[in-house]
Each structure stands twice: as structure tokens, then as C-alpha cells.
Amino acid sequence: MEALYRTYHKDGFEILAISIDTMGEPVVRAFIEEFGFTFPVLVDPQLIVNDLYKVRVVPTSILIDKEGLVIRRVLGARDWGDPELRLLIESLVKS
């Protein structure tokens, strides 16, 4: 995800990660620092966003287009370097 963000952020692509870790922000901050994430990460231990988007699998990636419409839900961990997923991201950025 970090590689996607660095590649496409200049083209208007955004990532907003939301952690549901109940241990709170200190644990999440340590994780962010360990992996060097530069995209925003919010902490939602009360599962407000989780419930709003009906997330039942962790991790879940929800792709939202420039109009704010959910266009795809990706359940489970993914290799965001996969060519098919890269094409999907590129189509979103160019639309």
C-alpha cells in the first residue's frame, strides 16, 4: 500500500487506513513507524467506521472513486503490486 501511495499520490490518489486496534493509538503509531507508512492512519477502536462500511473481514480495502462511490471491496490481504490491482488503481486515478 505504501508503494501505491508513493507512486500515485501525485496524481490525486489517496489512502486512508483505519485501524480498529483496541490497544489504541500508541500501538498503532509504533506499527506505522516500524513500516514507514506516509499515508494517513486513523484509529477507530469503537468500530464506528468499521460498522458504517459493514467491514466483516480484516483487512478490508474499500476503493472509492473521485465521486465518492464505493466501486470495489477487496477482502483480506492483497499484494498491491499485482498487475491486475495496479490496473484498477490506474483506472481510478485517470478517471
C-alpha atoms as a PDB file:
ATOM      1  CA  MET A   1       0.000   0.000   0.000  1.00  0.00           C
ATOM      2  CA  GLU A   2       2.861   2.353   0.755  1.00  0.00           C
ATOM      3  CA  ALA A   3       4.303   1.772  -2.722  1.00  0.00           C
ATOM      4  CA  LEU A   4       0.902   2.530  -4.278  1.00  0.00           C
ATOM      5  CA  TYR A   5       0.629   5.714  -2.263  1.00  0.00           C
ATOM      6  CA  ARG A   6       4.085   6.899  -3.242  1.00  0.00           C
ATOM      7  CA  THR A   7       3.503   6.084  -6.906  1.00  0.00           C
ATOM      8  CA  TYR A   8       0.048   7.589  -7.392  1.00  0.00           C
ATOM      9  CA  HIS A   9      -0.332  10.251  -4.688  1.00  0.00           C
ATOM     10  CA  LYS A  10       0.984  12.934  -7.046  1.00  0.00           C
ATOM     11  CA  ASP A  11      -1.924  12.045  -9.371  1.00  0.00           C
ATOM     12  CA  GLY A  12      -4.564  12.575  -6.680  1.00  0.00           C
ATOM     13  CA  PHE A  13      -4.656   9.033  -5.292  1.00  0.00           C
ATOM     14  CA  GLU A  14      -5.300   8.840  -1.555  1.00  0.00           C
ATOM     15  CA  ILE A  15      -5.108   6.098   1.027  1.00  0.00           C
ATOM     16  CA  LEU A  16      -6.785   6.398   4.381  1.00  0.00           C
ATOM     17  CA  ALA A  17      -6.068   3.454   6.639  1.00  0.00           C
ATOM     18  CA  ILE A  18      -8.311   2.876   9.621  1.00  0.00           C
ATOM     19  CA  SER A  19      -7.080   0.751  12.493  1.00  0.00           C
ATOM     20  CA  ILE A  20      -9.555  -0.986  14.778  1.00  0.00           C
ATOM     21  CA  ASP A  21      -6.854  -1.970  17.262  1.00  0.00           C
ATOM     22  CA  THR A  22      -8.359  -1.748  20.735  1.00  0.00           C
ATOM     23  CA  MET A  23      -4.925  -1.106  22.261  1.00  0.00           C
ATOM     24  CA  GLY A  24      -5.185   2.456  20.995  1.00  0.00           C
ATOM     25  CA  GLU A  25      -3.041   4.982  19.241  1.00  0.00           C
ATOM     26  CA  PRO A  26       0.360   4.200  20.848  1.00  0.00           C
ATOM     27  CA  VAL A  27       0.333   0.667  19.435  1.00  0.00           C
ATOM     28  CA  VAL A  28      -0.846   1.876  16.032  1.00  0.00           C
ATOM     29  CA  ARG A  29       1.789   4.657  15.929  1.00  0.00           C
ATOM     30  CA  ALA A  30       4.530   2.127  16.646  1.00  0.00           C
ATOM     31  CA  PHE A  31       3.272  -0.038  13.763  1.00  0.00           C
ATOM     32  CA  ILE A  32       3.171   2.964  11.408  1.00  0.00           C
ATOM     33  CA  GLU A  33       6.711   3.950  12.330  1.00  0.00           C
ATOM     34  CA  GLU A  34       8.001   0.391  12.024  1.00  0.00           C
ATOM     35  CA  PHE A  35       6.706   0.071   8.459  1.00  0.00           C
ATOM     36  CA  GLY A  36       7.311   3.675   7.438  1.00  0.00           C
ATOM     37  CA  PHE A  37       3.787   4.476   6.303  1.00  0.00           C
ATOM     38  CA  THR A  38       3.402   8.019   5.000  1.00  0.00           C
ATOM     39  CA  PHE A  39      -0.331   7.891   4.275  1.00  0.00           C
ATOM     40  CA  PRO A  40      -2.856   8.897   6.961  1.00  0.00           C
ATOM     41  CA  VAL A  41      -3.892   6.285   9.516  1.00  0.00           C
ATOM     42  CA  LEU A  42      -6.866   6.820  11.798  1.00  0.00           C
ATOM     43  CA  VAL A  43      -7.657   4.859  14.944  1.00  0.00           C
ATOM     44  CA  ASP A  44     -11.237   3.610  15.382  1.00  0.00           C
ATOM     45  CA  PRO A  45     -11.320   1.345  18.456  1.00  0.00           C
ATOM     46  CA  GLN A  46     -15.097   1.857  18.818  1.00  0.00           C
ATOM     47  CA  LEU A  47     -15.569   0.411  15.288  1.00  0.00           C
ATOM     48  CA  ILE A  48     -17.653   3.360  14.082  1.00  0.00           C
ATOM     49  CA  VAL A  49     -16.182   3.409  10.562  1.00  0.00           C
ATOM     50  CA  ASN A  50     -15.978  -0.375  10.575  1.00  0.00           C
ATOM     51  CA  ASP A  51     -19.736  -0.596  11.181  1.00  0.00           C
ATOM     52  CA  LEU A  52     -20.558   2.225   8.759  1.00  0.00           C
ATOM     53  CA  TYR A  53     -18.847   0.377   5.888  1.00  0.00           C
ATOM     54  CA  LYS A  54     -20.007  -3.058   7.103  1.00  0.00           C
ATOM     55  CA  VAL A  55     -16.498  -4.460   7.368  1.00  0.00           C
ATOM     56  CA  ARG A  56     -16.587  -8.121   8.400  1.00  0.00           C
ATOM     57  CA  VAL A  57     -13.112  -9.228   7.300  1.00  0.00           C
ATOM     58  CA  VAL A  58      -9.839  -7.671   8.427  1.00  0.00           C
ATOM     59  CA  PRO A  59      -8.177  -6.335   6.457  1.00  0.00           C
ATOM     60  CA  THR A  60     -10.728  -4.950   4.026  1.00  0.00           C
ATOM     61  CA  SER A  61      -9.846  -2.377   1.395  1.00  0.00           C
ATOM     62  CA  ILE A  62     -12.656  -0.221   0.086  1.00  0.00           C
ATOM     63  CA  LEU A  63     -11.940   1.553  -3.180  1.00  0.00           C
ATOM     64  CA  ILE A  64     -13.835   4.801  -3.597  1.00  0.00           C
ATOM     65  CA  ASP A  65     -13.834   6.788  -6.819  1.00  0.00           C
ATOM     66  CA  LYS A  66     -13.469  10.556  -7.182  1.00  0.00           C
ATOM     67  CA  GLU A  67     -17.246  10.949  -6.912  1.00  0.00           C
ATOM     68  CA  GLY A  68     -17.284   9.207  -3.516  1.00  0.00           C
ATOM     69  CA  LEU A  69     -18.841   5.972  -4.771  1.00  0.00           C
ATOM     70  CA  VAL A  70     -17.655   2.614  -3.472  1.00  0.00           C
ATOM     71  CA  ILE A  71     -16.534   0.754  -6.564  1.00  0.00           C
ATOM     72  CA  ARG A  72     -14.896  -2.321  -5.063  1.00  0.00           C
ATOM     73  CA  ARG A  73     -14.350  -4.102  -1.779  1.00  0.00           C
ATOM     74  CA  VAL A  74     -11.172  -6.158  -1.501  1.00  0.00           C
ATOM     75  CA  LEU A  75     -11.358  -8.672   1.334  1.00  0.00           C
ATOM     76  CA  GLY A  76      -8.234  -9.943   3.022  1.00  0.00           C
ATOM     77  CA  ALA A  77      -4.602  -9.111   2.500  1.00  0.00           C
ATOM     78  CA  ARG A  78      -3.519  -8.384  -1.055  1.00  0.00           C
ATOM     79  CA  ASP A  79      -0.327  -7.803  -2.959  1.00  0.00           C
ATOM     80  CA  TRP A  80      -0.980  -4.283  -4.209  1.00  0.00           C
ATOM     81  CA  GLY A  81       1.904  -4.719  -6.629  1.00  0.00           C
ATOM     82  CA  ASP A  82      -0.188  -7.282  -8.524  1.00  0.00           C
ATOM     83  CA  PRO A  83      -0.617  -6.098 -12.143  1.00  0.00           C
ATOM     84  CA  GLU A  84      -4.423  -6.520 -12.092  1.00  0.00           C
ATOM     85  CA  LEU A  85      -4.774  -4.407  -8.951  1.00  0.00           C
ATOM     86  CA  ARG A  86      -2.336  -1.824 -10.342  1.00  0.00           C
ATOM     87  CA  LEU A  87      -4.510  -1.504 -13.468  1.00  0.00           C
ATOM     88  CA  LEU A  88      -7.554  -0.992 -11.282  1.00  0.00           C
ATOM     89  CA  ILE A  89      -5.813   1.783  -9.318  1.00  0.00           C
ATOM     90  CA  GLU A  90      -4.560   3.404 -12.518  1.00  0.00           C
ATOM     91  CA  SER A  91      -8.091   3.397 -13.943  1.00  0.00           C
ATOM     92  CA  LEU A  92      -9.335   5.167 -10.795  1.00  0.00           C
ATOM     93  CA  VAL A  93      -6.580   7.762 -10.937  1.00  0.00           C
ATOM     94  CA  LYS A  94      -7.200   8.503 -14.625  1.00  0.00           C
ATOM     95  CA  SER A  95     -10.996   8.708 -14.358  1.00  0.00           C
END
